[in-house]
């Protein structure tokens, strides 16, 4: 194998990795926000709200992410929804936003189930004790239940972050210059189909392995503080 192309193209991989990390960070942030929202809807006593949450979760989990990406990227403009072109973020910003929206919606469905399970794992006595002290339902969820649930589900959320980093490669299909897209560009430029993919695989592994170890440290510190 010949990796001599790296001296000319290493910045392609570095810039692609930056886009991949940015996609993952934004997607996990919005995915967690959506996950909390739909987890609370699913735990609601209102049948309509539970139905809306169940429909969202089941649809997003039951359809391929590629289809979801095409619906967002090609379908939304047809009904008049366009992501704004902001010069400060470059001409590819609308494509980037389409990728973030797709990954966030998909991640939100999985995170909702993770958070729902985490909330239900908190001792019911916590809710009863809080309500007996005069806390409202919303205050109890905000200050008592959800913080404990997040501590329980931190490993699962970290795993979701890792999954997003890996699955974000799919956005290369719509022209976002992430790590996978840039690796394909290098393959086309140097006419070597194999080596650029090995470099991309190693960089994906370095990102996910580093994140996994960092989450392990956070998890151990949380256990120590208990």
Protein backbone atom coordinates (compact mmCIF):
# COMPACT_ATOMS: atom_id res chain seq x y z
CA UNK A 1 0.00 0.00 0.00
CA UNK A 2 1.16 3.50 -0.83
CA UNK A 3 0.30 6.35 1.57
CA UNK A 4 2.61 8.91 -0.02
CA UNK A 5 -0.46 10.94 -1.05
CA UNK A 6 -0.90 12.03 2.59
CA UNK A 7 1.77 14.73 2.34
CA UNK A 8 -0.34 16.49 -0.32
CA UNK A 9 -3.84 15.62 0.89
CA UNK A 10 -3.63 15.37 4.68
CA UNK A 11 -5.56 18.64 5.08
CA UNK A 12 -8.49 17.08 3.19
CA UNK A 13 -8.79 14.52 5.97
CA UNK A 14 -8.26 17.08 8.76
CA UNK A 15 -10.89 19.48 7.44
CA UNK A 16 -13.28 16.58 6.82
CA UNK A 17 -12.81 15.36 10.40
CA UNK A 18 -13.63 18.87 11.69
CA UNK A 19 -16.91 18.88 9.75
CA UNK A 20 -17.72 15.37 11.02
CA UNK A 21 -17.16 16.44 14.65
CA UNK A 22 -19.22 19.62 14.17
CA UNK A 23 -22.06 17.60 12.68
CA UNK A 24 -21.97 15.18 15.60
CA UNK A 25 -21.84 17.91 18.27
CA UNK A 26 -24.79 19.86 16.84
CA UNK A 27 -26.76 16.69 16.16
CA UNK A 28 -26.30 15.31 19.66
CA UNK A 29 -27.17 18.69 21.23
CA UNK A 30 -30.42 19.05 19.29
CA UNK A 31 -31.05 15.31 19.48
CA UNK A 32 -30.90 15.38 23.28
CA UNK A 33 -33.23 18.40 23.38
CA UNK A 34 -35.70 16.58 21.13
CA UNK A 35 -35.22 13.40 23.12
CA UNK A 36 -36.10 15.08 26.42
CA UNK A 37 -39.17 16.71 24.86
CA UNK A 38 -40.55 13.53 23.30
CA UNK A 39 -39.65 11.40 26.34
CA UNK A 40 -41.78 13.70 28.51
CA UNK A 41 -44.60 13.55 25.94
CA UNK A 42 -44.47 9.76 25.98
CA UNK A 43 -44.65 9.71 29.77
CA UNK A 44 -47.57 12.12 29.76
CA UNK A 45 -50.98 10.98 30.97
CA UNK A 46 -52.53 12.57 27.86
CA UNK A 47 -53.24 9.93 25.18
CA UNK A 48 -52.88 12.41 22.30
CA UNK A 49 -49.43 13.56 23.46
CA UNK A 50 -48.35 9.95 24.01
CA UNK A 51 -49.58 9.12 20.52
CA UNK A 52 -47.64 11.98 18.93
CA UNK A 53 -44.44 10.93 20.72
CA UNK A 54 -44.93 7.26 19.81
CA UNK A 55 -45.56 8.14 16.14
CA UNK A 56 -42.40 10.28 15.98
CA UNK A 57 -40.23 7.67 17.68
CA UNK A 58 -41.54 4.69 15.72
CA UNK A 59 -41.39 6.45 12.34
CA UNK A 60 -37.83 7.75 12.79
CA UNK A 61 -36.61 4.42 14.15
CA UNK A 62 -38.47 2.42 11.52
CA UNK A 63 -37.23 4.16 8.36
CA UNK A 64 -33.70 4.28 6.89
CA UNK A 65 -31.71 7.40 7.64
CA UNK A 66 -30.93 7.70 3.93
CA UNK A 67 -34.64 8.10 3.17
CA UNK A 68 -34.99 10.67 5.95
CA UNK A 69 -32.02 12.59 4.55
CA UNK A 70 -33.52 12.64 1.05
CA UNK A 71 -36.89 13.77 2.40
CA UNK A 72 -35.29 16.68 4.24
CA UNK A 73 -32.81 17.63 1.53
CA UNK A 74 -35.03 17.25 -1.54
CA UNK A 75 -38.53 17.30 -0.06
CA UNK A 76 -38.53 20.36 2.18
CA UNK A 77 -37.55 22.84 -0.59
CA UNK A 78 -40.49 21.55 -2.66
CA UNK A 79 -42.92 22.68 0.02
CA UNK A 80 -41.19 26.03 0.44
CA UNK A 81 -38.91 25.26 3.37
CA UNK A 82 -35.31 26.27 2.59
CA UNK A 83 -32.38 26.49 4.94
CA UNK A 84 -30.93 30.03 4.88
CA UNK A 85 -27.73 30.77 3.00
CA UNK A 86 -25.54 32.65 5.51
CA UNK A 87 -22.37 34.04 3.84
CA UNK A 88 -20.39 33.95 7.11
CA UNK A 89 -20.70 30.15 7.20
CA UNK A 90 -19.87 29.50 3.53
CA UNK A 91 -21.95 28.46 0.55
CA UNK A 92 -22.44 24.91 1.87
CA UNK A 93 -24.22 26.05 5.04
CA UNK A 94 -27.74 25.03 3.83
CA UNK A 95 -26.46 21.51 3.07
CA UNK A 96 -24.79 21.39 6.48
CA UNK A 97 -28.06 22.42 8.15
CA UNK A 98 -29.96 19.72 6.24
CA UNK A 99 -27.47 17.17 7.58
CA UNK A 100 -27.77 18.46 11.14
CA UNK A 101 -31.58 18.41 10.99
CA UNK A 102 -31.64 14.85 9.65
CA UNK A 103 -29.16 13.51 12.19
CA UNK A 104 -30.84 15.42 15.06
CA UNK A 105 -34.32 14.13 14.22
CA UNK A 106 -33.03 10.57 13.91
CA UNK A 107 -30.96 10.80 17.09
CA UNK A 108 -33.87 12.42 18.97
CA UNK A 109 -36.00 9.31 18.45
CA UNK A 110 -33.38 7.01 19.98
CA UNK A 111 -32.47 9.45 22.77
CA UNK A 112 -36.17 9.81 23.68
CA UNK A 113 -36.35 6.10 24.44
CA UNK A 114 -33.07 6.22 26.37
CA UNK A 115 -34.30 9.14 28.50
CA UNK A 116 -37.73 7.59 29.01
CA UNK A 117 -36.08 4.44 30.35
CA UNK A 118 -33.79 6.55 32.54
CA UNK A 119 -36.69 8.50 34.02
CA UNK A 120 -38.68 5.34 34.70
CA UNK A 121 -35.63 3.83 36.43
CA UNK A 122 -35.65 6.60 39.05
CA UNK A 123 -37.34 5.45 42.26
CA UNK A 124 -41.03 6.46 42.28
CA UNK A 125 -40.57 7.54 45.87
CA UNK A 126 -38.52 10.49 44.60
CA UNK A 127 -41.57 11.87 42.80
CA UNK A 128 -43.88 11.28 45.75
CA UNK A 129 -41.45 12.85 48.24
CA UNK A 130 -40.92 15.88 46.01
CA UNK A 131 -44.64 16.44 45.44
CA UNK A 132 -45.28 16.10 49.19
CA UNK A 133 -42.78 18.93 49.74
CA UNK A 134 -44.83 21.22 47.49
CA UNK A 135 -42.94 20.87 44.20
CA UNK A 136 -45.07 20.96 41.07
CA UNK A 137 -44.80 18.13 38.52
CA UNK A 138 -42.67 20.31 36.23
CA UNK A 139 -40.35 21.38 39.07
CA UNK A 140 -39.99 17.77 40.21
CA UNK A 141 -39.04 16.63 36.72
CA UNK A 142 -36.63 19.54 36.22
CA UNK A 143 -34.82 19.55 39.57
CA UNK A 144 -35.20 15.99 40.89
CA UNK A 145 -36.00 13.34 38.29
CA UNK A 146 -34.25 14.40 35.06
CA UNK A 147 -30.84 15.15 36.72
CA UNK A 148 -30.87 11.66 38.27
CA UNK A 149 -32.03 10.11 35.00
CA UNK A 150 -29.18 11.79 33.07
CA UNK A 151 -26.64 10.33 35.45
CA UNK A 152 -28.10 6.85 34.86
CA UNK A 153 -28.18 7.17 31.08
CA UNK A 154 -24.84 8.92 30.54
CA UNK A 155 -23.17 5.77 29.10
CA UNK A 156 -26.07 5.29 26.67
CA UNK A 157 -25.94 8.95 25.60
CA UNK A 158 -22.20 8.68 25.07
CA UNK A 159 -22.78 5.64 22.90
CA UNK A 160 -25.32 7.63 20.88
CA UNK A 161 -22.66 10.31 20.31
CA UNK A 162 -20.31 7.64 18.98
CA UNK A 163 -23.04 6.24 16.73
CA UNK A 164 -23.73 9.71 15.31
CA UNK A 165 -20.05 10.23 14.48
CA UNK A 166 -20.04 6.99 12.50
CA UNK A 167 -23.43 7.40 10.84
CA UNK A 168 -22.77 11.02 9.89
CA UNK A 169 -20.80 9.62 6.94
CA UNK A 170 -24.13 9.29 5.14
CA UNK A 171 -24.35 13.08 4.65
CA UNK A 172 -21.49 12.86 2.15
CA UNK A 173 -24.20 11.81 -0.33
CA UNK A 174 -25.63 15.34 -0.40
CA UNK A 175 -22.22 16.96 -0.85
CA UNK A 176 -21.29 17.92 2.72
CA UNK A 177 -17.50 17.94 2.90
CA UNK A 178 -17.19 15.62 5.88
CA UNK A 179 -14.46 13.04 6.38
CA UNK A 180 -16.10 10.46 4.10
CA UNK A 181 -16.74 12.95 1.30
CA UNK A 182 -13.15 14.20 1.38
CA UNK A 183 -11.79 10.65 1.45
CA UNK A 184 -13.82 9.94 -1.71
CA UNK A 185 -12.44 13.12 -3.28
CA UNK A 186 -8.88 11.99 -2.58
CA UNK A 187 -9.67 8.54 -4.03
CA UNK A 188 -10.82 10.17 -7.26
CA UNK A 189 -7.83 12.49 -7.46
CA UNK A 190 -5.10 9.88 -6.96
CA UNK A 191 -6.85 6.88 -8.54
CA UNK A 192 -6.20 4.75 -5.46
CA UNK A 193 -9.49 3.20 -4.29
CA UNK A 194 -8.24 1.57 -1.07
CA UNK A 195 -5.70 3.63 0.90
CA UNK A 196 -7.80 6.82 1.44
CA UNK A 197 -10.54 4.65 2.97
CA UNK A 198 -8.01 3.12 5.37
CA UNK A 199 -6.98 6.63 6.48
CA UNK A 200 -10.65 7.64 6.92
CA UNK A 201 -11.36 4.47 8.93
CA UNK A 202 -8.38 5.13 11.23
CA UNK A 203 -9.52 8.73 11.80
CA UNK A 204 -13.10 7.63 12.59
CA UNK A 205 -11.68 5.09 15.04
CA UNK A 206 -9.44 7.71 16.68
CA UNK A 207 -12.44 10.00 17.22
CA UNK A 208 -14.76 7.32 18.61
CA UNK A 209 -12.07 5.65 20.73
CA UNK A 210 -11.01 8.99 22.27
CA UNK A 211 -14.63 9.86 23.01
CA UNK A 212 -15.26 6.44 24.52
CA UNK A 213 -12.28 6.81 26.88
CA UNK A 214 -13.30 10.37 27.85
CA UNK A 215 -16.80 9.19 28.69
CA UNK A 216 -15.34 6.37 30.75
CA UNK A 217 -13.41 8.93 32.83
CA UNK A 218 -16.55 11.05 33.37
CA UNK A 219 -18.52 7.95 34.34
CA UNK A 220 -15.91 6.89 36.91
CA UNK A 221 -15.86 10.39 38.41
CA UNK A 222 -19.64 10.38 38.73
CA UNK A 223 -19.49 7.02 40.52
CA UNK A 224 -16.79 8.37 42.83
CA UNK A 225 -18.92 11.39 43.70
CA UNK A 226 -21.91 9.20 44.71
